[in-house]
Protein backbone atom coordinates (compact mmCIF):
# COMPACT_ATOMS: atom_id res chain seq x y z
CA MET A 1 2.74 -37.69 -20.40
CA SER A 2 3.15 -37.45 -23.73
CA LEU A 3 5.47 -34.84 -25.67
CA GLU A 4 2.25 -33.96 -27.07
CA SER A 5 0.33 -33.14 -24.03
CA ALA A 6 3.09 -31.84 -22.12
CA GLY A 7 3.65 -29.17 -25.04
CA ALA A 8 -0.49 -28.57 -24.91
CA PHE A 9 -0.08 -28.39 -21.22
CA ALA A 10 2.61 -25.97 -21.17
CA GLY A 11 1.36 -23.32 -23.83
CA GLY A 12 -2.13 -23.49 -22.22
CA LEU A 13 -0.10 -22.35 -18.59
CA GLY A 14 1.44 -19.81 -21.17
CA LEU A 15 -1.45 -18.50 -22.44
CA PHE A 16 -4.14 -18.51 -19.40
CA LEU A 17 -1.03 -16.22 -17.42
CA LEU A 18 -0.51 -14.41 -20.51
CA GLY A 19 -4.59 -13.23 -20.35
CA MET A 20 -3.99 -13.02 -16.98
CA VAL A 21 -1.54 -10.37 -16.99
CA MET A 22 -3.48 -8.82 -20.01
CA LEU A 23 -6.71 -9.00 -18.13
CA THR A 24 -5.86 -7.34 -14.76
CA ASP A 25 -3.59 -4.69 -16.63
CA GLY A 26 -6.03 -3.45 -18.90
CA LEU A 27 -8.67 -3.51 -16.27
CA LYS A 28 -6.59 -1.48 -13.70
CA LEU A 29 -6.21 1.15 -17.20
CA ALA A 30 -9.72 1.20 -17.94
CA ALA A 31 -10.86 1.63 -13.82
CA GLY A 32 -8.44 4.40 -13.53
CA SER A 33 -8.14 6.34 -10.62
CA LEU A 34 -11.32 4.66 -9.40
CA LEU A 35 -10.01 1.63 -7.11
CA GLN A 36 -7.43 4.05 -6.04
CA ASP A 37 -10.56 6.08 -4.57
CA ILE A 38 -12.34 3.14 -3.52
CA LEU A 39 -8.98 1.61 -1.18
CA ARG A 40 -8.62 5.02 0.16
CA ARG A 41 -11.94 6.70 0.39
CA PHE A 42 -14.19 3.53 1.26
CA THR A 43 -12.47 2.26 4.40
CA ARG A 44 -13.95 4.44 6.93
CA ASN A 45 -15.06 0.97 8.72
CA PRO A 46 -14.04 -2.81 9.00
CA PRO A 47 -17.73 -3.33 7.01
CA ARG A 48 -16.99 -0.78 4.31
CA ALA A 49 -12.95 -1.76 4.15
CA LEU A 50 -13.91 -5.87 3.71
CA ALA A 51 -16.42 -4.86 0.78
CA SER A 52 -13.68 -2.44 -1.00
CA GLY A 53 -11.18 -5.30 -0.65
CA VAL A 54 -13.38 -7.93 -2.46
CA LEU A 55 -14.55 -5.61 -4.86
CA VAL A 56 -11.43 -4.27 -5.79
CA THR A 57 -9.91 -7.64 -6.42
CA ALA A 58 -12.87 -8.43 -8.00
CA LEU A 59 -12.48 -5.58 -11.05
CA VAL A 60 -8.94 -6.19 -10.87
CA GLN A 61 -9.24 -10.48 -10.67
CA SER A 62 -5.79 -9.98 -8.88
CA SER A 63 -5.32 -10.49 -5.02
CA THR A 64 -1.76 -9.68 -5.04
CA ALA A 65 -2.27 -6.74 -7.21
CA VAL A 66 -4.39 -5.16 -4.31
CA THR A 67 -2.35 -6.24 -1.67
CA VAL A 68 0.91 -4.34 -3.38
CA ALA A 69 -1.12 -1.36 -4.13
CA LEU A 70 -2.00 -1.80 -0.24
CA ILE A 71 1.32 -2.02 1.08
CA GLY A 72 2.00 1.43 -0.97
CA PHE A 73 -1.45 2.99 0.29
CA ILE A 74 -0.12 2.22 4.01
CA ASN A 75 3.71 3.59 2.89
CA ALA A 76 2.35 6.92 1.21
CA GLY A 77 0.31 7.32 5.05
CA LEU A 78 -3.27 7.20 3.00
CA LEU A 79 -4.60 3.94 4.84
CA THR A 80 -4.31 3.25 8.80
CA PHE A 81 -3.08 -0.02 9.64
CA GLY A 82 -6.64 -0.67 11.36
CA GLN A 83 -8.16 0.05 7.85
CA ALA A 84 -6.10 -1.60 5.63
CA LEU A 85 -6.38 -5.35 7.75
CA TRP A 86 -10.05 -5.80 6.58
CA VAL A 87 -9.50 -4.64 2.95
CA ILE A 88 -6.60 -7.24 3.55
CA PHE A 89 -9.33 -10.26 4.38
CA GLY A 90 -11.88 -8.96 1.73
CA ALA A 91 -8.46 -9.42 -1.08
CA ASN A 92 -8.72 -12.75 -0.12
CA LEU A 93 -12.35 -13.07 -0.18
CA GLY A 94 -12.11 -11.55 -3.42
CA THR A 95 -9.75 -14.19 -5.29
CA SER A 96 -12.79 -16.48 -5.21
CA MET A 97 -14.06 -14.72 -7.99
CA THR A 98 -11.48 -16.29 -10.40
CA GLY A 99 -12.61 -19.37 -9.49
CA TRP A 100 -16.31 -18.99 -10.72
CA LEU A 101 -15.44 -17.35 -14.11
CA VAL A 102 -13.40 -20.40 -14.45
CA ALA A 103 -15.95 -22.95 -13.58
CA ILE A 104 -19.02 -21.50 -14.61
CA ILE A 105 -17.43 -19.52 -18.56
CA GLY A 106 -14.40 -21.84 -18.85
CA PHE A 107 -16.24 -25.68 -18.55
CA LYS A 108 -20.00 -24.60 -18.84
CA LEU A 109 -19.80 -23.29 -22.15
CA LYS A 110 -17.65 -23.48 -25.54
CA ILE A 111 -14.82 -21.25 -25.39
CA GLU A 112 -13.99 -20.99 -28.89
CA ALA A 113 -17.43 -19.84 -29.47
CA PHE A 114 -16.49 -16.76 -27.50
CA ALA A 115 -13.04 -16.29 -26.94
CA LEU A 116 -11.97 -15.80 -30.06
CA PRO A 117 -14.82 -12.89 -31.45
CA VAL A 118 -13.39 -11.57 -27.21
CA VAL A 119 -9.92 -11.48 -28.06
CA ALA A 120 -10.99 -9.89 -32.06
CA ILE A 121 -12.91 -7.08 -30.15
CA GLY A 122 -10.76 -6.34 -27.74
CA MET A 123 -8.06 -6.28 -30.05
CA VAL A 124 -10.02 -3.58 -31.77
CA LEU A 125 -10.96 -1.52 -28.71
CA TYR A 126 -7.09 -1.63 -27.95
CA LEU A 127 -5.93 -0.22 -31.74
CA THR A 128 -7.83 2.56 -31.55
CA GLY A 129 -8.32 3.53 -27.74
CA GLY A 130 -3.98 3.64 -27.83
CA ARG A 131 -3.39 4.28 -23.63
CA GLY A 132 -6.72 5.65 -22.42
CA ARG A 133 -9.71 4.19 -21.10
CA ARG A 134 -10.80 2.21 -23.67
CA GLY A 135 -7.72 1.21 -24.73
CA GLY A 136 -7.49 -0.27 -20.96
CA LEU A 137 -10.83 -2.14 -21.86
CA GLY A 138 -9.34 -3.80 -24.80
CA THR A 139 -6.77 -4.91 -23.44
CA ALA A 140 -8.69 -6.32 -20.70
CA LEU A 141 -10.91 -8.12 -23.52
CA THR A 142 -8.36 -9.52 -25.18
CA GLY A 143 -6.70 -10.42 -22.42
CA PHE A 144 -10.11 -12.47 -21.00
CA GLY A 145 -10.25 -14.13 -24.06
CA VAL A 146 -6.88 -15.71 -24.10
CA LEU A 147 -7.10 -16.77 -20.77
CA PHE A 148 -9.72 -19.27 -21.76
CA LEU A 149 -7.78 -20.40 -24.53
CA GLY A 150 -5.32 -21.12 -22.50
CA LEU A 151 -7.53 -22.83 -20.36
CA ASP A 152 -9.28 -24.84 -23.36
CA LEU A 153 -5.90 -26.21 -23.74
CA LEU A 154 -5.44 -27.27 -20.02
CA GLN A 155 -8.52 -29.28 -20.44
CA SER A 156 -6.96 -31.36 -24.00
CA ALA A 157 -3.72 -31.55 -21.87
CA PHE A 158 -5.27 -33.02 -18.81
CA ALA A 159 -7.73 -34.89 -20.95
CA GLY A 160 -4.93 -37.04 -22.57
CA VAL A 161 -3.02 -38.12 -19.10
CA ALA A 162 -6.79 -38.57 -16.75
CA ASP A 163 -6.09 -42.55 -16.85
CA ALA A 164 -2.27 -42.56 -17.20
CA VAL A 165 -1.42 -40.11 -13.86
CA GLU A 166 -2.71 -40.96 -10.70
CA LEU A 167 -1.93 -38.48 -7.97
CA PRO A 168 -2.34 -38.45 -4.16
CA SER A 169 -6.12 -38.65 -2.73
CA GLY A 170 -5.52 -36.86 0.20
CA SER A 171 -6.80 -39.84 2.55
CA ASP A 172 -3.36 -39.84 4.83
CA PRO A 173 -1.04 -37.62 6.34
CA LEU A 174 1.81 -37.43 4.12
CA SER A 175 -0.69 -37.13 0.53
CA ILE A 176 -2.00 -34.20 2.55
CA LEU A 177 1.04 -32.63 2.87
CA LEU A 178 2.57 -33.01 -0.58
CA LEU A 179 -1.25 -31.96 -2.10
CA LEU A 180 -0.89 -28.95 0.01
CA LEU A 181 2.83 -28.55 -1.15
CA MET A 182 1.95 -28.69 -3.84
CA GLY A 183 -0.35 -26.08 -3.67
CA PHE A 184 1.49 -24.13 -2.38
CA GLY A 185 4.44 -24.54 -4.71
CA LEU A 186 2.34 -23.87 -7.77
CA THR A 187 1.20 -20.82 -6.54
CA VAL A 188 5.21 -20.22 -5.90
CA LEU A 189 6.36 -20.94 -9.16
CA MET A 190 3.95 -19.00 -11.45
CA GLN A 191 3.12 -16.45 -8.93
CA SER A 192 -0.28 -16.04 -10.14
CA SER A 193 -3.14 -17.97 -7.36
CA SER A 194 -5.66 -17.86 -9.86
CA ALA A 195 -3.47 -19.68 -12.25
CA ALA A 196 -2.32 -22.05 -9.92
CA LEU A 197 -6.37 -22.38 -9.17
CA ALA A 198 -7.15 -23.13 -12.75
CA ILE A 199 -5.31 -26.06 -13.29
CA THR A 200 -5.99 -27.28 -10.01
CA LEU A 201 -9.83 -27.18 -11.28
CA THR A 202 -8.75 -28.24 -14.52
CA ALA A 203 -7.54 -31.48 -13.27
CA ALA A 204 -10.10 -31.83 -10.46
CA GLN A 205 -12.63 -31.84 -13.90
CA THR A 206 -10.98 -33.77 -16.11
CA GLY A 207 -10.89 -36.70 -13.60
CA VAL A 208 -6.89 -35.99 -13.14
CA ILE A 209 -7.53 -35.72 -8.84
CA SER A 210 -10.00 -36.61 -6.60
CA ILE A 211 -12.72 -33.92 -5.49
CA TYR A 212 -11.21 -33.92 -1.82
CA GLY A 213 -7.44 -34.61 -3.07
CA ALA A 214 -8.41 -31.18 -5.27
CA ALA A 215 -9.52 -29.35 -2.36
CA ILE A 216 -5.98 -29.78 -0.51
CA ILE A 217 -4.35 -28.44 -3.13
CA THR A 218 -6.82 -25.81 -3.14
CA ILE A 219 -6.41 -24.56 0.05
CA GLY A 220 -2.25 -24.65 -0.84
CA VAL A 221 -2.90 -22.13 -3.33
CA ASN A 222 -4.77 -20.31 -0.92
CA VAL A 223 -1.52 -20.46 1.63
CA GLY A 224 0.84 -19.83 -1.29
CA THR A 225 -0.48 -16.46 -2.42
CA THR A 226 1.26 -14.40 1.25
CA ALA A 227 5.01 -15.51 -0.78
CA THR A 228 4.23 -12.00 -3.21
CA ALA A 229 3.11 -10.03 -0.36
CA VAL A 230 6.44 -11.55 1.67
CA LEU A 231 8.43 -10.75 -1.14
CA ALA A 232 7.00 -6.87 -1.85
CA ALA A 233 7.48 -6.35 1.51
CA LEU A 234 11.18 -7.31 2.58
CA ALA A 235 12.64 -4.27 1.99
CA ALA A 236 9.50 -2.11 2.83
CA THR A 237 9.00 -0.02 5.97
CA SER A 238 7.24 -1.35 9.39
CA ASN A 239 3.65 -0.53 8.25
CA ALA A 240 4.02 -2.66 5.13
CA LYS A 241 5.21 -5.86 6.58
CA ARG A 242 2.85 -5.85 9.25
CA ALA A 243 0.15 -6.03 6.14
CA ALA A 244 2.52 -8.56 5.02
CA GLY A 245 1.95 -10.25 8.30
CA ALA A 246 -1.37 -9.52 8.33
CA HIS A 247 -2.11 -11.45 5.01
CA ILE A 248 -0.26 -14.54 6.13
CA LEU A 249 -1.61 -14.99 9.62
CA PHE A 250 -5.47 -14.92 7.57
CA ASN A 251 -4.21 -17.70 5.00
CA LEU A 252 -2.77 -19.46 7.77
CA ILE A 253 -5.26 -19.54 10.27
CA THR A 254 -7.85 -20.08 7.08
CA GLY A 255 -6.36 -22.69 5.63
CA ALA A 256 -5.83 -24.76 9.18
CA ALA A 257 -9.50 -24.32 9.19
CA ALA A 258 -10.28 -25.02 5.86
CA LEU A 259 -7.54 -28.46 6.87
CA LEU A 260 -9.53 -29.60 9.76
CA LEU A 261 -13.09 -28.72 8.41
CA LEU A 262 -12.78 -30.57 5.36
CA PRO A 263 -14.57 -34.14 6.19
CA VAL A 264 -17.59 -31.99 6.97
CA LEU A 265 -17.75 -29.18 5.18
CA LEU A 266 -17.39 -31.08 1.69
CA PRO A 267 -20.08 -33.43 2.09
CA ALA A 268 -21.74 -30.66 2.94
CA LEU A 269 -21.01 -28.32 0.68
CA LEU A 270 -21.91 -31.21 -2.67
CA ALA A 271 -24.76 -31.85 -0.77
CA PHE A 272 -25.54 -28.06 -1.56
CA GLN A 273 -24.49 -28.23 -4.93
CA GLU A 274 -26.66 -31.24 -5.63
CA GLY A 275 -29.68 -30.27 -4.16
CA VAL A 276 -30.24 -26.46 -4.40
CA LEU A 277 -27.73 -25.96 -7.43
CA GLY A 278 -28.35 -29.06 -9.39
CA ASP A 279 -25.18 -29.19 -10.66
CA ASP A 280 -22.48 -31.56 -10.17
CA SER A 281 -19.28 -30.42 -11.72
CA PRO A 282 -16.46 -30.46 -10.24
CA ALA A 283 -15.06 -27.44 -10.99
CA VAL A 284 -18.14 -25.73 -9.51
CA THR A 285 -17.49 -27.34 -6.03
CA LEU A 286 -14.59 -26.40 -6.19
CA ALA A 287 -15.29 -22.86 -6.90
CA LEU A 288 -17.95 -23.32 -3.71
CA PHE A 289 -14.99 -24.68 -1.69
CA HIS A 290 -12.77 -22.02 -2.37
CA THR A 291 -15.15 -19.55 -1.37
CA SER A 292 -16.88 -21.00 1.60
CA PHE A 293 -13.51 -21.32 3.65
CA ASN A 294 -12.72 -17.36 2.77
CA ALA A 295 -16.01 -16.38 4.08
CA LEU A 296 -15.62 -19.20 7.32
CA GLY A 297 -11.69 -17.22 7.35
CA VAL A 298 -13.48 -13.85 7.74
CA LEU A 299 -15.81 -14.83 10.31
CA LEU A 300 -13.14 -16.07 12.19
CA MET A 301 -11.44 -13.28 12.10
CA VAL A 302 -14.03 -10.97 13.59
CA PRO A 303 -13.15 -12.02 17.41
CA LEU A 304 -9.32 -11.94 16.44
CA ALA A 305 -8.94 -8.62 14.40
CA ARG A 306 -7.97 -6.14 17.06
CA ARG A 307 -5.62 -8.47 18.62
CA MET A 308 -3.97 -9.56 15.75
CA ALA A 309 -4.38 -5.71 14.56
CA ARG A 310 -2.20 -4.52 18.10
CA TRP A 311 0.30 -7.58 17.87
CA LEU A 312 1.35 -7.10 14.34
CA GLU A 313 1.41 -2.95 15.71
CA SER A 314 3.72 -4.14 18.47
CA ARG A 315 6.18 -6.33 15.91
CA PHE A 316 8.70 -5.05 13.00
CA MET A 317 9.80 -1.90 14.80
CA ALA A 318 12.73 -0.01 13.32
CA ARG A 319 16.16 0.47 15.78
CA ASP A 320 16.04 3.75 15.55
CA GLU A 321 13.09 5.40 13.91
CA ARG A 322 14.37 8.57 14.39
CA ILE A 323 16.82 8.29 11.67
CA HIS A 324 14.84 5.84 9.37
CA THR A 325 12.32 6.63 6.76
CA ARG A 326 8.49 5.40 7.86
CA TYR A 327 6.67 5.83 4.34
CA LEU A 328 9.10 5.76 1.77
CA ASP A 329 9.66 2.25 -0.19
CA ASP A 330 10.11 1.14 -3.77
CA THR A 331 6.31 0.01 -3.43
CA VAL A 332 5.86 3.28 -3.52
CA ALA A 333 8.70 4.70 -5.88
CA ALA A 334 6.45 2.93 -8.65
CA ILE A 335 3.55 5.20 -8.86
CA PRO A 336 4.29 9.11 -8.67
CA GLU A 337 0.78 10.20 -7.26
CA LEU A 338 1.92 8.01 -4.29
CA ALA A 339 5.11 8.72 -3.92
CA VAL A 340 4.51 12.42 -3.93
CA HIS A 341 2.36 11.87 -1.34
CA ALA A 342 4.73 9.30 0.53
CA MET A 343 7.12 12.63 0.21
CA ARG A 344 4.66 14.70 1.88
CA LYS A 345 4.33 12.59 4.80
CA GLU A 346 8.45 12.38 5.01
CA THR A 347 8.76 16.01 4.73
CA ARG A 348 5.74 16.92 7.25
CA ARG A 349 7.78 14.34 9.40
CA LEU A 350 11.25 16.06 9.23
CA GLY A 351 9.58 19.08 9.86
CA THR A 352 8.45 17.83 12.88
CA THR A 353 11.63 17.22 13.95
CA ALA A 354 13.06 20.95 12.59
CA VAL A 355 10.28 22.67 14.40
CA ASP A 356 10.42 20.93 17.66
CA GLY A 357 13.74 21.70 17.79
CA VAL A 358 13.41 25.88 17.56
CA LEU A 359 10.98 26.10 20.21
CA HIS A 360 12.49 23.32 22.40
CA ALA A 361 15.46 26.26 21.97
CA LEU A 362 13.14 29.33 22.06
CA THR A 363 11.98 27.90 25.68
CA GLY A 364 15.41 27.40 26.70
CA GLU A 365 14.92 23.42 26.46
CA LEU A 366 17.43 22.35 23.72
CA PRO A 367 21.39 22.24 25.02
CA ALA A 368 23.64 21.75 22.74
CA GLU A 369 24.08 18.23 21.94
CA ARG A 370 20.44 17.30 21.43
CA ALA A 371 20.55 20.83 19.01
CA ARG A 372 23.36 18.92 16.99
CA LEU A 373 20.87 15.71 16.92
CA VAL A 374 17.94 17.55 15.37
CA ARG A 375 20.20 18.54 12.39
CA GLU A 376 22.12 15.30 11.83
CA ASP A 377 18.25 13.56 11.79
CA VAL A 378 17.08 16.36 9.65
CA LEU A 379 19.71 15.95 7.02
CA GLY A 380 19.58 12.70 7.06
CA LEU A 381 15.97 12.31 6.27
CA SER A 382 17.22 14.99 3.60
CA ALA A 383 18.88 12.81 2.23
CA ALA A 384 16.77 9.35 2.11
CA VAL A 385 14.14 11.74 0.18
CA ASN A 386 16.38 12.61 -2.47
CA GLU A 387 17.18 9.40 -2.80
CA PHE A 388 14.14 8.13 -3.35
CA VAL A 389 12.96 10.74 -5.82
CA VAL A 390 15.78 9.30 -7.64
CA ARG A 391 14.24 5.76 -7.19
CA MET A 392 10.71 7.01 -8.29
CA ASN A 393 9.34 6.39 -11.89
CA ARG A 394 9.15 9.63 -13.30
CA GLU A 395 8.28 8.78 -16.67
CA ASP A 396 4.62 10.10 -18.36
CA VAL A 397 4.35 12.10 -14.56
CA ALA A 398 0.68 14.18 -15.10
CA GLU A 399 1.55 18.48 -15.10
CA ASP A 400 0.04 18.07 -11.36
CA THR A 401 1.79 15.72 -9.71
CA SER A 402 4.81 17.49 -10.82
CA ARG A 403 3.98 20.69 -9.76
CA ARG A 404 3.21 18.67 -6.02
CA LEU A 405 6.58 17.19 -6.27
CA ALA A 406 8.63 20.51 -6.94
CA ASP A 407 6.36 22.04 -3.68
CA VAL A 408 7.58 19.24 -1.30
CA LEU A 409 10.71 19.34 -2.35
CA ARG A 410 11.10 23.21 -1.58
CA ALA A 411 9.14 22.48 1.07
CA LYS A 412 11.92 20.22 1.83
CA ARG A 413 14.86 22.73 1.36
CA SER A 414 12.99 25.12 3.76
CA TYR A 415 13.09 22.74 6.83
CA GLU A 416 16.53 21.72 6.13
CA THR A 417 17.64 25.43 6.62
CA ILE A 418 15.12 25.58 9.82
CA ALA A 419 17.29 22.96 10.91
CA LEU A 420 20.73 24.38 10.24
CA LEU A 421 19.50 27.14 12.11
CA VAL A 422 18.56 25.35 15.22
CA GLU A 423 22.19 25.11 16.35
CA PRO A 424 22.69 28.71 17.02
CA LEU A 425 19.83 29.02 18.92
CA ALA A 426 21.57 26.63 21.29
CA GLN A 427 23.90 29.19 22.10
CA TRP A 428 21.54 32.39 24.23
CA PRO A 429 22.39 35.74 23.88
CA ALA A 430 22.05 37.03 28.01
CA VAL A 431 20.32 39.77 27.44
CA LEU A 432 17.84 38.55 25.07
CA GLY A 433 14.75 37.74 27.29
CA ARG A 434 13.04 34.36 26.26
CA ASP A 435 9.79 36.54 27.58
CA ASP A 436 9.86 39.15 25.25
CA PRO A 437 7.18 39.86 22.80
CA TYR A 438 8.68 39.28 19.81
CA ILE A 439 9.84 35.60 20.86
CA GLU A 440 6.27 35.04 22.11
CA ALA A 441 5.23 36.18 18.93
CA ALA A 442 7.21 34.06 16.95
CA ARG A 443 6.60 30.86 18.97
CA ASP A 444 3.12 31.27 18.48
CA ALA A 445 3.71 31.80 14.58
CA ILE A 446 6.12 28.70 14.29
CA ARG A 447 3.63 26.54 16.49
CA ALA A 448 1.39 27.94 14.00
CA SER A 449 2.92 25.96 11.14
CA HIS A 450 3.16 22.59 12.66
CA PRO A 451 1.59 20.48 13.45
CA PHE A 452 -0.53 20.13 9.84
CA THR A 453 -4.21 20.78 10.72
CA GLY A 454 -5.70 21.29 7.40
CA ALA A 455 -6.58 24.60 8.58
CA SER A 456 -8.26 26.75 5.72
CA GLU A 457 -6.34 30.06 6.42
CA PRO A 458 -2.27 29.62 6.45
CA PRO A 459 -0.71 31.59 9.63
CA SER A 460 0.35 34.49 9.02
CA ALA A 461 3.85 35.79 10.28
CA ALA A 462 2.85 39.63 10.34
CA HIS A 463 2.72 40.47 13.93
CA ALA A 464 6.05 38.57 14.53
CA ASP A 465 7.47 40.87 12.15
CA GLU A 466 6.25 43.92 13.68
CA CYS A 467 8.01 42.72 17.15
CA TYR A 468 11.00 42.29 15.17
CA ARG A 469 11.18 45.63 14.20
CA GLU A 470 10.15 47.16 17.32
CA LEU A 471 13.12 44.82 19.44
CA ARG A 472 15.11 45.08 16.80
CA ALA A 473 15.35 49.05 16.68
CA SER A 474 15.23 48.83 21.02
CA LEU A 475 18.01 47.37 20.95
CA LEU A 476 20.42 49.15 18.06
CA ALA A 477 19.31 52.17 20.67
CA ALA A 478 20.86 49.87 23.88
CA GLY A 479 23.84 49.82 21.86
CA ALA A 480 24.00 53.54 20.97
CA GLY A 481 23.11 54.79 24.27
CA GLY A 482 25.85 52.23 25.87
CA SER A 483 23.68 50.53 28.43
CA VAL A 484 24.17 47.17 26.51
CA GLU A 485 28.09 46.26 24.98
CA VAL A 486 27.68 46.32 21.37
CA ALA A 487 28.91 42.78 21.14
CA ASP A 488 26.07 41.88 22.85
CA MET A 489 23.80 44.04 20.89
CA ASP A 490 25.44 42.10 18.24
CA ALA A 491 24.72 38.56 19.09
CA ALA A 492 21.11 39.42 20.29
CA LEU A 493 20.54 40.78 16.86
CA ASN A 494 21.74 37.74 15.05
CA ALA A 495 19.71 35.25 17.10
CA ILE A 496 16.42 37.62 16.56
CA SER A 497 17.38 37.77 12.62
CA VAL A 498 17.94 33.85 12.56
CA ILE A 499 14.59 33.60 14.57
CA ARG A 500 12.83 36.03 11.76
CA ARG A 501 14.50 33.54 9.05
CA ILE A 502 12.85 30.41 10.88
CA VAL A 503 9.29 31.88 10.94
CA LYS A 504 9.23 32.83 7.31
CA LYS A 505 10.57 29.37 6.31
CA ALA A 506 7.87 27.36 8.77
CA VAL A 507 5.37 29.38 7.39
CA GLU A 508 6.88 28.74 3.69
CA ALA A 509 6.89 24.99 4.35
CA ARG A 510 3.21 25.03 5.58
CA GLU A 511 1.82 26.27 2.96
CA LEU A 512 4.14 24.03 0.64
CA LEU A 513 2.84 21.33 1.88
CA GLU A 514 -1.19 22.12 2.48
CA GLU A 515 -2.81 18.90 1.29
CA ASP A 516 -4.79 18.34 -1.68
CA PRO A 517 -8.38 17.11 -0.20
CA ARG A 518 -8.52 14.97 -2.83
CA GLU A 519 -5.44 13.38 -1.72
CA LEU A 520 -6.98 12.83 2.28
CA GLY A 521 -8.44 9.49 3.64
CA PRO A 522 -12.57 9.42 4.22
CA GLU A 523 -13.98 13.18 4.93
CA GLY A 524 -10.77 14.79 4.00
CA ARG A 525 -8.87 13.05 7.31
CA ASP A 526 -4.99 12.45 6.98
CA PRO A 527 -5.44 8.88 8.89
CA ALA A 528 -1.70 8.55 9.18
CA ASP A 529 -0.10 11.84 10.25
CA HIS A 530 2.70 11.26 12.80
CA SER A 531 4.85 12.56 14.45
CA MET A 532 8.42 12.53 15.13
CA GLN A 533 9.93 13.81 18.22
CA PRO A 534 13.70 15.01 17.98
């Protein structure tokens, strides 16, 4: 390759990557909350989840962005792993849209005739639209034009070396392995399967590589998309690791099937292309091949998905999940709305520990050692939430999001108070009966505050407070009359005062953590609300 061709290749690749970044970022900004709403609400069953994955990936032109966002949704508890599984499959199918854009627009039209005007229009929209949806659309259009200008440079670079460069054809096992590694390496190196696919399509279109060899590279490119998911899940929660595992398994199974069927599938697609489409473009052949083997992968998942889900759900278990966060990590912290939702889920989880500890104490089923563990677990998780707040991206946080963040932090403080009050209840006063009307009323009020059932009316502690006043008066009278020792009376009064404070804090926390229906899953359901036992 000459110095001029090398420069054209490097510049074309740079422009293509820049265009992809601008296109993806602009489309995400222009779409606003639409993409989140699609992922959050239209995943009720496998077909809808699959369609959601295809649609969102086609809209933002990045399966990586969708996969990382999806991991964030799982971490935040907005999607169950079962729902996310089919979205992942759909995202892989949706990646084929990029190949069609390159094959149809990049090689069928005169690029300068539309790319430069598109860049000009996009910049006008960007300069007049700021950070709003109009500005996002302008960024996307500019990226779209820049992307194809880069593709034009890539074509020029490859055209100059088509006769001088000879790549393996993929006719022997070593060549197949080299081509697979080439596709995988391109994707990992550029962190973009779209760019790697564009290079492959351009190389095939300009004659640098045969159709058969380019098809094998395309399989390697598809498998290479797993690298980003792995990196995103390395320090993530268990569910995020399972999502990355599903992405890897899908691509490995699909890639193996495509490789095995390649001698049959590629000739069949070529015959279909010439006979039905009336087109013999190598780029169209590869786009058709990419779509076909990903669709084949989805069909293979129909009988395998449940087994895969069960297998993955039995993996990546935290060694001691009592003291490990379940919903918080950096993939969520980058998006304030998701971060607040994840914090609410984690706060509910530590609240479960505190409230369950109190209920066990009120029935005499909480020894002192276990009460200490309740306190340590709640305070440990609370500290993890505090650290997560520090890592949160709190720039440009909407006023409503900031208010909800404050409510979650206040609720967390209430549960910390409850956890600190559990240990004193383990030393139950002998003169205080566990079947006293006040203890029963307090248990009912605390139990009503948890679990979070989404009831429209918050639990009332009025009855418990009335019973408290009656019991307090009775204990004071007994102490004054000498039927109960003053020390025993004080111990009982201290205990019921602690219980009263716990009731107040439990009800307060429950009201602060009331969920906005817009943040829930389909039909207002919370798809991943799990409790944690003390």
